[in-house]
Amino acid sequence: MKKVNFDKGDKGAYKPSAGADNNNKGVGQNSYVGVVKNKMEYKQIVEEQSQPSLVLDDSCVLDYDYSLALMGKVSDFGLLNNLKMILIKEGFDNFILKYLGCFWVIIEFHTKEILEKFKSHVGVGSWFTSLEYPSNSFIIDERVVWVDIEGVPMNVWTNNTFQKVSAKWGELLFVEDKENM
């Protein structure tokens, strides 16, 4: 019986290699034995992998004055959709609202007076669990994923169903249409 070695081609399919040498079983350039025998090549690969892939210089640093801004962690995920309208209805119309991730937003005000008025507003305590000035050390340590669930029959569109589905990955924070459940 004649043995044939197979090489992986460009398209991922295995095909017999021309003139395969059966006396050198498994000692290819990329095999374990091949790497051990040729330590210089392995050392070169390790050196290439240990180099940083991207270096950020000073031109990448955001130079922006956030002295008229506040970062807030909303008390309920559902507030994120309506926060801008809520703030406008409460008399704050001269601001920029940006989503930072998870429950966090940044609100940029145009004047110090508007910022102070916002901080002293009665509703702020119910909208936000945390309100702080921006800092370079701020890191969002949570993640929120928006999941569309398809294929669920209407007769089981209940809060319990969505709780069970979301429990596979984490916890359910917000359901878009609570009225029809």
N, C-alpha and C. Protein backbone atom coordinates (compact mmCIF):
# COMPACT_ATOMS: atom_id res chain seq x y z
N MET A 1 0.84 -1.18 0.00
CA MET A 1 0.00 0.00 0.00
C MET A 1 0.89 1.23 0.00
N LYS A 2 0.61 2.16 -0.89
CA LYS A 2 1.40 3.38 -1.01
C LYS A 2 0.77 4.48 -0.16
N LYS A 3 1.59 5.16 0.70
CA LYS A 3 1.10 6.25 1.54
C LYS A 3 1.28 7.57 0.81
N VAL A 4 0.33 8.49 1.03
CA VAL A 4 0.36 9.81 0.39
C VAL A 4 0.23 10.86 1.48
N ASN A 5 1.10 11.87 1.46
CA ASN A 5 0.97 13.01 2.38
C ASN A 5 0.06 14.05 1.74
N PHE A 6 -0.66 14.80 2.57
CA PHE A 6 -1.57 15.83 2.07
C PHE A 6 -1.11 17.20 2.54
N ASP A 7 -1.15 18.16 1.63
CA ASP A 7 -0.85 19.56 1.95
C ASP A 7 -2.14 20.36 1.86
N LYS A 8 -2.29 21.34 2.74
CA LYS A 8 -3.47 22.20 2.70
C LYS A 8 -3.23 23.30 1.67
N GLY A 9 -4.08 23.38 0.66
CA GLY A 9 -3.94 24.38 -0.39
C GLY A 9 -4.48 25.73 0.03
N ASP A 10 -4.45 26.70 -0.88
CA ASP A 10 -4.90 28.06 -0.60
C ASP A 10 -6.37 28.12 -0.20
N LYS A 11 -7.18 27.26 -0.75
CA LYS A 11 -8.61 27.32 -0.50
C LYS A 11 -9.03 26.45 0.67
N GLY A 12 -8.09 25.91 1.41
CA GLY A 12 -8.43 25.14 2.59
C GLY A 12 -8.67 23.67 2.33
N ALA A 13 -8.66 23.23 1.08
CA ALA A 13 -8.88 21.82 0.77
C ALA A 13 -7.55 21.08 0.84
N TYR A 14 -7.59 19.85 1.27
CA TYR A 14 -6.37 19.04 1.35
C TYR A 14 -6.20 18.28 0.05
N LYS A 15 -4.98 18.29 -0.48
CA LYS A 15 -4.70 17.58 -1.72
C LYS A 15 -3.32 16.95 -1.62
N PRO A 16 -3.07 15.87 -2.32
CA PRO A 16 -1.76 15.22 -2.23
C PRO A 16 -0.66 16.15 -2.71
N SER A 17 0.46 16.15 -1.99
CA SER A 17 1.59 16.98 -2.40
C SER A 17 2.43 16.22 -3.41
N ALA A 18 2.99 16.95 -4.34
CA ALA A 18 3.81 16.32 -5.37
C ALA A 18 5.12 15.88 -4.74
N GLY A 19 5.49 14.63 -4.95
CA GLY A 19 6.76 14.10 -4.46
C GLY A 19 6.85 14.07 -2.95
N ALA A 20 5.78 13.68 -2.27
CA ALA A 20 5.78 13.63 -0.81
C ALA A 20 6.79 12.61 -0.33
N ASP A 21 7.53 12.97 0.69
CA ASP A 21 8.56 12.11 1.25
C ASP A 21 8.01 11.45 2.51
N ASN A 22 7.74 10.14 2.42
CA ASN A 22 7.15 9.43 3.54
C ASN A 22 8.15 9.11 4.64
N ASN A 23 9.45 9.26 4.39
CA ASN A 23 10.46 8.98 5.42
C ASN A 23 10.55 10.11 6.44
N ASN A 24 10.00 11.26 6.12
CA ASN A 24 10.10 12.43 6.98
C ASN A 24 8.73 12.74 7.59
N LYS A 25 8.03 11.75 8.14
CA LYS A 25 6.65 11.87 8.61
C LYS A 25 6.51 12.96 9.67
N GLY A 26 5.63 13.92 9.42
CA GLY A 26 5.29 14.94 10.39
C GLY A 26 6.38 15.94 10.70
N VAL A 27 7.48 15.96 9.96
CA VAL A 27 8.55 16.90 10.24
C VAL A 27 8.51 18.01 9.21
N GLY A 28 7.38 18.67 9.11
CA GLY A 28 7.27 19.82 8.22
C GLY A 28 7.77 21.07 8.91
N GLN A 29 7.85 22.14 8.17
CA GLN A 29 8.36 23.40 8.70
C GLN A 29 7.48 23.92 9.83
N ASN A 30 6.16 23.66 9.75
CA ASN A 30 5.23 24.18 10.75
C ASN A 30 4.85 23.16 11.81
N SER A 31 5.43 21.97 11.78
CA SER A 31 5.11 20.96 12.79
C SER A 31 5.87 21.26 14.07
N TYR A 32 5.51 20.59 15.15
CA TYR A 32 6.18 20.78 16.44
C TYR A 32 7.67 20.45 16.32
N VAL A 33 7.97 19.31 15.69
CA VAL A 33 9.37 18.89 15.54
C VAL A 33 10.13 19.89 14.68
N GLY A 34 9.48 20.37 13.61
CA GLY A 34 10.13 21.33 12.73
C GLY A 34 10.49 22.61 13.46
N VAL A 35 9.61 23.07 14.34
CA VAL A 35 9.87 24.29 15.10
C VAL A 35 10.99 24.07 16.10
N VAL A 36 10.98 22.91 16.78
CA VAL A 36 12.02 22.61 17.76
C VAL A 36 13.39 22.52 17.09
N LYS A 37 13.44 21.89 15.93
CA LYS A 37 14.71 21.75 15.22
C LYS A 37 15.20 23.08 14.66
N ASN A 38 14.30 23.97 14.37
CA ASN A 38 14.67 25.24 13.76
C ASN A 38 14.31 26.38 14.73
N LYS A 39 15.00 26.50 15.84
CA LYS A 39 14.68 27.46 16.89
C LYS A 39 14.80 28.91 16.43
N MET A 40 15.65 29.19 15.49
CA MET A 40 15.83 30.56 15.02
C MET A 40 14.54 31.10 14.40
N GLU A 41 13.87 30.27 13.61
CA GLU A 41 12.62 30.70 12.99
C GLU A 41 11.57 30.98 14.06
N TYR A 42 11.48 30.13 15.06
CA TYR A 42 10.52 30.30 16.15
C TYR A 42 10.82 31.59 16.91
N LYS A 43 12.08 31.86 17.19
CA LYS A 43 12.48 33.07 17.90
C LYS A 43 12.06 34.32 17.12
N GLN A 44 12.21 34.27 15.81
CA GLN A 44 11.83 35.40 14.97
C GLN A 44 10.32 35.63 15.05
N ILE A 45 9.54 34.57 15.05
CA ILE A 45 8.08 34.69 15.14
C ILE A 45 7.69 35.31 16.48
N VAL A 46 8.29 34.85 17.57
CA VAL A 46 7.99 35.38 18.90
C VAL A 46 8.34 36.86 18.99
N GLU A 47 9.48 37.25 18.43
CA GLU A 47 9.88 38.66 18.47
C GLU A 47 8.90 39.53 17.69
N GLU A 48 8.41 39.04 16.56
CA GLU A 48 7.45 39.80 15.77
C GLU A 48 6.14 39.95 16.52
N GLN A 49 5.70 38.89 17.22
CA GLN A 49 4.43 38.94 17.93
C GLN A 49 4.50 39.80 19.18
N SER A 50 5.68 39.98 19.76
CA SER A 50 5.78 40.75 20.99
C SER A 50 5.86 42.25 20.75
N GLN A 51 6.00 42.67 19.51
CA GLN A 51 6.03 44.10 19.20
C GLN A 51 4.61 44.65 19.21
N PRO A 52 4.42 45.86 19.74
CA PRO A 52 3.07 46.43 19.75
C PRO A 52 2.58 46.65 18.32
N SER A 53 1.29 46.40 18.12
CA SER A 53 0.74 46.54 16.78
C SER A 53 0.37 47.98 16.45
N LEU A 54 0.18 48.81 17.48
CA LEU A 54 -0.22 50.19 17.23
C LEU A 54 0.28 51.06 18.38
N VAL A 55 0.91 52.14 18.04
CA VAL A 55 1.40 53.09 19.05
C VAL A 55 0.66 54.40 18.83
N LEU A 56 0.04 54.91 19.90
CA LEU A 56 -0.68 56.17 19.82
C LEU A 56 0.21 57.29 20.34
N ASP A 57 0.37 58.32 19.54
CA ASP A 57 1.19 59.46 19.96
C ASP A 57 0.28 60.59 20.44
N ASP A 58 0.85 61.74 20.72
CA ASP A 58 0.09 62.87 21.25
C ASP A 58 -0.97 63.40 20.29
N SER A 59 -0.81 63.14 19.01
CA SER A 59 -1.81 63.62 18.04
C SER A 59 -3.14 62.87 18.19
N CYS A 60 -3.15 61.76 18.89
CA CYS A 60 -4.36 60.97 19.10
C CYS A 60 -5.12 61.36 20.37
N VAL A 61 -4.51 62.18 21.20
CA VAL A 61 -5.13 62.55 22.47
C VAL A 61 -6.17 63.63 22.23
N LEU A 62 -7.35 63.43 22.81
CA LEU A 62 -8.44 64.39 22.68
C LEU A 62 -8.16 65.59 23.57
N ASP A 63 -8.05 66.74 22.98
CA ASP A 63 -7.80 67.97 23.71
C ASP A 63 -9.09 68.78 23.68
N TYR A 64 -9.93 68.56 24.68
CA TYR A 64 -11.24 69.19 24.70
C TYR A 64 -11.55 69.65 26.12
N ASP A 65 -12.14 70.79 26.25
CA ASP A 65 -12.47 71.35 27.56
C ASP A 65 -13.85 70.83 27.99
N TYR A 66 -13.84 69.97 29.00
CA TYR A 66 -15.09 69.42 29.53
C TYR A 66 -15.49 70.10 30.84
N SER A 67 -15.05 71.32 31.06
CA SER A 67 -15.38 72.02 32.31
C SER A 67 -16.86 72.36 32.40
N LEU A 68 -17.55 72.37 31.26
CA LEU A 68 -18.99 72.64 31.25
C LEU A 68 -19.79 71.38 30.96
N ALA A 69 -19.27 70.24 31.38
CA ALA A 69 -19.93 68.96 31.10
C ALA A 69 -20.08 68.14 32.37
N LEU A 70 -21.07 67.27 32.35
CA LEU A 70 -21.29 66.31 33.42
C LEU A 70 -21.51 64.94 32.81
N MET A 71 -21.01 63.92 33.47
CA MET A 71 -21.30 62.54 33.07
C MET A 71 -22.34 62.01 34.05
N GLY A 72 -23.34 61.34 33.49
CA GLY A 72 -24.38 60.80 34.35
C GLY A 72 -24.67 59.36 34.02
N LYS A 73 -24.93 58.59 35.08
CA LYS A 73 -25.36 57.20 34.92
C LYS A 73 -26.86 57.18 35.17
N VAL A 74 -27.63 56.88 34.11
CA VAL A 74 -29.08 56.93 34.24
C VAL A 74 -29.57 55.83 35.17
N SER A 75 -30.66 56.11 35.87
CA SER A 75 -31.18 55.17 36.86
C SER A 75 -31.91 53.99 36.21
N ASP A 76 -32.38 54.19 34.99
CA ASP A 76 -33.12 53.14 34.29
C ASP A 76 -32.72 53.15 32.83
N PHE A 77 -32.47 51.98 32.28
CA PHE A 77 -32.03 51.89 30.89
C PHE A 77 -33.02 52.53 29.93
N GLY A 78 -34.30 52.45 30.25
CA GLY A 78 -35.34 53.02 29.40
C GLY A 78 -35.25 54.53 29.28
N LEU A 79 -34.61 55.19 30.22
CA LEU A 79 -34.44 56.65 30.15
C LEU A 79 -33.56 57.09 28.99
N LEU A 80 -32.67 56.23 28.55
CA LEU A 80 -31.73 56.61 27.49
C LEU A 80 -32.46 57.06 26.23
N ASN A 81 -33.58 56.40 25.91
CA ASN A 81 -34.32 56.76 24.70
C ASN A 81 -34.97 58.14 24.81
N ASN A 82 -35.40 58.51 26.01
CA ASN A 82 -36.19 59.72 26.18
C ASN A 82 -35.49 60.84 26.93
N LEU A 83 -34.24 60.65 27.30
CA LEU A 83 -33.57 61.61 28.16
C LEU A 83 -33.51 63.01 27.56
N LYS A 84 -33.23 63.10 26.29
CA LYS A 84 -33.15 64.43 25.65
C LYS A 84 -34.49 65.15 25.74
N MET A 85 -35.58 64.45 25.47
CA MET A 85 -36.91 65.07 25.53
C MET A 85 -37.27 65.45 26.97
N ILE A 86 -36.89 64.61 27.92
CA ILE A 86 -37.16 64.91 29.33
C ILE A 86 -36.45 66.20 29.74
N LEU A 87 -35.18 66.31 29.36
CA LEU A 87 -34.41 67.50 29.72
C LEU A 87 -34.97 68.76 29.05
N ILE A 88 -35.40 68.65 27.81
CA ILE A 88 -35.99 69.80 27.11
C ILE A 88 -37.28 70.22 27.80
N LYS A 89 -38.14 69.25 28.17
CA LYS A 89 -39.41 69.57 28.84
C LYS A 89 -39.19 70.19 30.21
N GLU A 90 -38.05 69.90 30.83
CA GLU A 90 -37.74 70.48 32.14
C GLU A 90 -37.06 71.84 32.02
N GLY A 91 -36.91 72.34 30.79
CA GLY A 91 -36.38 73.69 30.60
C GLY A 91 -34.92 73.77 30.20
N PHE A 92 -34.30 72.64 29.96
CA PHE A 92 -32.90 72.63 29.52
C PHE A 92 -32.89 72.43 28.01
N ASP A 93 -32.61 73.51 27.29
CA ASP A 93 -32.64 73.40 25.83
C ASP A 93 -31.30 73.73 25.18
N ASN A 94 -30.34 74.13 25.95
CA ASN A 94 -29.05 74.53 25.39
C ASN A 94 -27.96 73.56 25.87
N PHE A 95 -28.01 72.32 25.37
CA PHE A 95 -27.06 71.29 25.80
C PHE A 95 -26.83 70.29 24.66
N ILE A 96 -25.76 69.52 24.79
CA ILE A 96 -25.47 68.44 23.85
C ILE A 96 -25.41 67.15 24.66
N LEU A 97 -26.15 66.16 24.24
CA LEU A 97 -26.22 64.88 24.94
C LEU A 97 -25.54 63.81 24.10
N LYS A 98 -24.59 63.08 24.69
CA LYS A 98 -23.89 62.01 23.97
C LYS A 98 -23.92 60.73 24.80
N TYR A 99 -24.14 59.62 24.13
CA TYR A 99 -24.14 58.31 24.78
C TYR A 99 -22.70 57.82 24.91
N LEU A 100 -22.30 57.42 26.12
CA LEU A 100 -20.94 56.94 26.35
C LEU A 100 -20.85 55.42 26.34
N GLY A 101 -21.95 54.76 26.65
CA GLY A 101 -21.95 53.30 26.74
C GLY A 101 -22.64 52.86 28.01
N CYS A 102 -23.20 51.67 27.97
CA CYS A 102 -23.93 51.10 29.09
C CYS A 102 -25.00 52.10 29.56
N PHE A 103 -24.97 52.53 30.80
CA PHE A 103 -25.95 53.46 31.34
C PHE A 103 -25.45 54.91 31.34
N TRP A 104 -24.29 55.16 30.79
CA TRP A 104 -23.62 56.45 30.92
C TRP A 104 -23.86 57.38 29.73
N VAL A 105 -24.07 58.67 30.05
CA VAL A 105 -24.17 59.73 29.04
C VAL A 105 -23.28 60.89 29.49
N ILE A 106 -22.94 61.73 28.56
CA ILE A 106 -22.25 62.99 28.90
C ILE A 106 -23.13 64.12 28.38
N ILE A 107 -23.31 65.12 29.23
CA ILE A 107 -24.13 66.28 28.89
C ILE A 107 -23.22 67.50 28.89
N GLU A 108 -23.12 68.15 27.74
CA GLU A 108 -22.29 69.35 27.61
C GLU A 108 -23.21 70.58 27.61
N PHE A 109 -22.97 71.48 28.52
CA PHE A 109 -23.75 72.70 28.64
C PHE A 109 -22.98 73.87 28.02
N HIS A 110 -23.70 74.92 27.64
CA HIS A 110 -23.06 76.07 26.99
C HIS A 110 -22.56 77.11 27.99
N THR A 111 -23.16 77.12 29.19
CA THR A 111 -22.72 78.07 30.21
C THR A 111 -22.64 77.39 31.56
N LYS A 112 -21.88 77.99 32.46
CA LYS A 112 -21.73 77.49 33.82
C LYS A 112 -23.06 77.60 34.58
N GLU A 113 -23.83 78.64 34.28
CA GLU A 113 -25.12 78.84 34.95
C GLU A 113 -26.08 77.70 34.65
N ILE A 114 -26.13 77.26 33.39
CA ILE A 114 -27.02 76.16 33.01
C ILE A 114 -26.57 74.87 33.68
N LEU A 115 -25.26 74.64 33.75
CA LEU A 115 -24.73 73.45 34.42
C LEU A 115 -25.13 73.45 35.90
N GLU A 116 -24.97 74.57 36.58
CA GLU A 116 -25.33 74.66 38.00
C GLU A 116 -26.83 74.50 38.21
N LYS A 117 -27.62 75.08 37.31
CA LYS A 117 -29.08 74.93 37.38
C LYS A 117 -29.47 73.46 37.23
N PHE A 118 -28.78 72.77 36.33
CA PHE A 118 -29.05 71.34 36.11
C PHE A 118 -28.72 70.53 37.37
N LYS A 119 -27.56 70.79 37.96
CA LYS A 119 -27.14 70.04 39.15
C LYS A 119 -28.11 70.23 40.32
N SER A 120 -28.72 71.41 40.42
CA SER A 120 -29.62 71.67 41.54
C SER A 120 -31.08 71.32 41.23
N HIS A 121 -31.37 70.85 40.03
CA HIS A 121 -32.74 70.51 39.65
C HIS A 121 -33.24 69.30 40.44
N VAL A 122 -34.50 69.37 40.86
CA VAL A 122 -35.09 68.31 41.68
C VAL A 122 -35.12 66.96 40.96
N GLY A 123 -35.39 66.94 39.67
CA GLY A 123 -35.54 65.69 38.94
C GLY A 123 -34.25 64.93 38.69
N VAL A 124 -33.12 65.60 38.80
CA VAL A 124 -31.84 64.97 38.49
C VAL A 124 -31.61 63.73 39.35
N GLY A 125 -32.01 63.79 40.61
CA GLY A 125 -31.84 62.66 41.52
C GLY A 125 -32.62 61.43 41.11
N SER A 126 -33.74 61.62 40.42
CA SER A 126 -34.52 60.47 39.97
C SER A 126 -34.07 59.96 38.60
N TRP A 127 -33.39 60.80 37.83
CA TRP A 127 -32.94 60.38 36.50
C TRP A 127 -31.59 59.69 36.55
N PHE A 128 -30.73 60.09 37.47
CA PHE A 128 -29.35 59.59 37.51
C PHE A 128 -29.01 58.98 38.87
N THR A 129 -28.28 57.88 38.84
CA THR A 129 -27.76 57.30 40.08
C THR A 129 -26.39 57.88 40.41
N SER A 130 -25.73 58.45 39.42
CA SER A 130 -24.42 59.06 39.62
C SER A 130 -24.27 60.22 38.65
N LEU A 131 -23.71 61.30 39.15
CA LEU A 131 -23.47 62.48 38.33
C LEU A 131 -22.10 63.02 38.72
N GLU A 132 -21.19 63.12 37.75
CA GLU A 132 -19.82 63.53 38.07
C GLU A 132 -19.20 64.30 36.91
N TYR A 133 -18.14 65.01 37.23
CA TYR A 133 -17.41 65.72 36.20
C TYR A 133 -16.55 64.73 35.41
N PRO A 134 -16.40 64.94 34.10
CA PRO A 134 -15.58 64.03 33.29
C PRO A 134 -14.12 64.03 33.74
N SER A 135 -13.50 62.85 33.64
CA SER A 135 -12.07 62.74 33.95
C SER A 135 -11.43 61.76 32.98
N ASN A 136 -10.13 61.90 32.78
CA ASN A 136 -9.41 61.01 31.87
C ASN A 136 -9.32 59.59 32.39
N SER A 137 -9.53 59.39 33.66
CA SER A 137 -9.42 58.04 34.23
C SER A 137 -10.74 57.27 34.18
N PHE A 138 -11.79 57.89 33.64
CA PHE A 138 -13.10 57.24 33.60
C PHE A 138 -13.09 56.04 32.65
N ILE A 139 -13.58 54.91 33.13
CA ILE A 139 -13.67 53.69 32.32
C ILE A 139 -15.05 53.08 32.55
N ILE A 140 -15.71 52.72 31.48
CA ILE A 140 -16.99 52.02 31.59
C ILE A 140 -16.69 50.54 31.74
N ASP A 141 -17.08 49.98 32.88
CA ASP A 141 -16.75 48.58 33.15
C ASP A 141 -17.93 47.64 32.92
N GLU A 142 -18.98 48.15 32.31
CA GLU A 142 -20.15 47.32 32.02
C GLU A 142 -20.43 47.38 30.52
N ARG A 143 -21.22 46.43 30.07
CA ARG A 143 -21.61 46.42 28.65
C ARG A 143 -23.12 46.18 28.55
N VAL A 144 -23.70 46.81 27.56
CA VAL A 144 -25.11 46.60 27.27
C VAL A 144 -25.22 46.15 25.83
N VAL A 145 -26.00 45.13 25.61
CA VAL A 145 -26.21 44.62 24.26
C VAL A 145 -27.70 44.69 23.96
N TRP A 146 -28.02 45.27 22.82
CA TRP A 146 -29.40 45.35 22.38
C TRP A 146 -29.69 44.10 21.57
N VAL A 147 -30.68 43.32 21.99
CA VAL A 147 -30.99 42.07 21.32
C VAL A 147 -32.41 42.12 20.78
N ASP A 148 -32.55 41.86 19.48
CA ASP A 148 -33.87 41.68 18.88
C ASP A 148 -34.17 40.20 18.89
N ILE A 149 -35.29 39.83 19.50
CA ILE A 149 -35.67 38.42 19.56
C ILE A 149 -36.74 38.20 18.50
N GLU A 150 -36.44 37.32 17.54
CA GLU A 150 -37.37 37.05 16.45
C GLU A 150 -37.87 35.62 16.54
N GLY A 151 -39.04 35.40 16.00
CA GLY A 151 -39.58 34.05 15.92
C GLY A 151 -40.37 33.62 17.14
N VAL A 152 -40.64 34.53 18.05
CA VAL A 152 -41.43 34.19 19.24
C VAL A 152 -42.90 34.45 18.90
N PRO A 153 -43.75 33.42 19.01
CA PRO A 153 -45.17 33.61 18.71
C PRO A 153 -45.79 34.66 19.63
N MET A 154 -46.75 35.41 19.11
CA MET A 154 -47.34 36.51 19.87
C MET A 154 -47.98 36.06 21.18
N ASN A 155 -48.49 34.83 21.22
CA ASN A 155 -49.17 34.40 22.44
C ASN A 155 -48.22 34.13 23.60
N VAL A 156 -46.91 34.20 23.37
CA VAL A 156 -45.95 34.06 24.47
C VAL A 156 -45.07 35.30 24.62
N TRP A 157 -45.55 36.44 24.14
CA TRP A 157 -44.84 37.70 24.33
C TRP A 157 -45.10 38.21 25.74
N THR A 158 -44.49 37.59 26.69
CA THR A 158 -44.66 37.98 28.08
C THR A 158 -43.31 38.38 28.66
N ASN A 159 -43.38 39.10 29.75
CA ASN A 159 -42.15 39.48 30.43
C ASN A 159 -41.38 38.24 30.87
N ASN A 160 -42.10 37.21 31.30
CA ASN A 160 -41.46 35.96 31.73
C ASN A 160 -40.68 35.31 30.58
N THR A 161 -41.23 35.31 29.38
CA THR A 161 -40.54 34.74 28.21
C THR A 161 -39.23 35.48 27.95
N PHE A 162 -39.29 36.80 27.93
CA PHE A 162 -38.09 37.58 27.63
C PHE A 162 -37.07 37.50 28.77
N GLN A 163 -37.55 37.34 30.00
CA GLN A 163 -36.62 37.13 31.13
C GLN A 163 -35.85 35.83 30.93
N LYS A 164 -36.57 34.77 30.51
CA LYS A 164 -35.92 33.46 30.31
C LYS A 164 -34.92 33.50 29.16
N VAL A 165 -35.28 34.17 28.07
CA VAL A 165 -34.38 34.27 26.93
C VAL A 165 -33.13 35.07 27.31
N SER A 166 -33.32 36.20 27.95
CA SER A 166 -32.17 37.05 28.30
C SER A 166 -31.30 36.43 29.37
N ALA A 167 -31.85 35.56 30.21
CA ALA A 167 -31.07 34.92 31.28
C ALA A 167 -29.95 34.04 30.72
N LYS A 168 -30.05 33.66 29.45
CA LYS A 168 -28.98 32.85 28.84
C LYS A 168 -27.69 33.66 28.70
N TRP A 169 -27.80 35.00 28.66
CA TRP A 169 -26.62 35.85 28.45
C TRP A 169 -26.38 36.86 29.57
N GLY A 170 -27.36 37.13 30.38
CA GLY A 170 -27.20 38.14 31.43
C GLY A 170 -28.55 38.43 32.06
N GLU A 171 -28.89 39.71 32.14
CA GLU A 171 -30.18 40.07 32.71
C GLU A 171 -30.92 41.02 31.78
N LEU A 172 -32.24 40.96 31.84
CA LEU A 172 -33.09 41.83 31.03
C LEU A 172 -33.17 43.19 31.70
N LEU A 173 -32.82 44.23 30.96
CA LEU A 173 -32.83 45.58 31.52
C LEU A 173 -34.01 46.40 31.04
N PHE A 174 -34.43 46.17 29.82
CA PHE A 174 -35.43 47.04 29.23
C PHE A 174 -36.16 46.30 28.11
N VAL A 175 -37.48 46.42 28.10
CA VAL A 175 -38.29 45.89 27.01
C VAL A 175 -38.91 47.09 26.32
N GLU A 176 -38.76 47.15 25.00
CA GLU A 176 -39.17 48.33 24.25
C GLU A 176 -40.65 48.65 24.38
N ASP A 177 -41.52 47.63 24.35
CA ASP A 177 -42.96 47.87 24.35
C ASP A 177 -43.58 47.17 25.54
N LYS A 178 -43.59 47.81 26.71
CA LYS A 178 -44.13 47.19 27.92
C LYS A 178 -45.65 47.22 27.94
N GLU A 179 -46.28 48.13 27.18
CA GLU A 179 -47.73 48.28 27.21
C GLU A 179 -48.45 47.04 26.71
N ASN A 180 -47.91 46.36 25.72
CA ASN A 180 -48.59 45.21 25.12
C ASN A 180 -48.17 43.88 25.72
N MET A 181 -47.56 43.90 26.89
CA MET A 181 -47.12 42.65 27.50
C MET A 181 -47.92 42.35 28.75
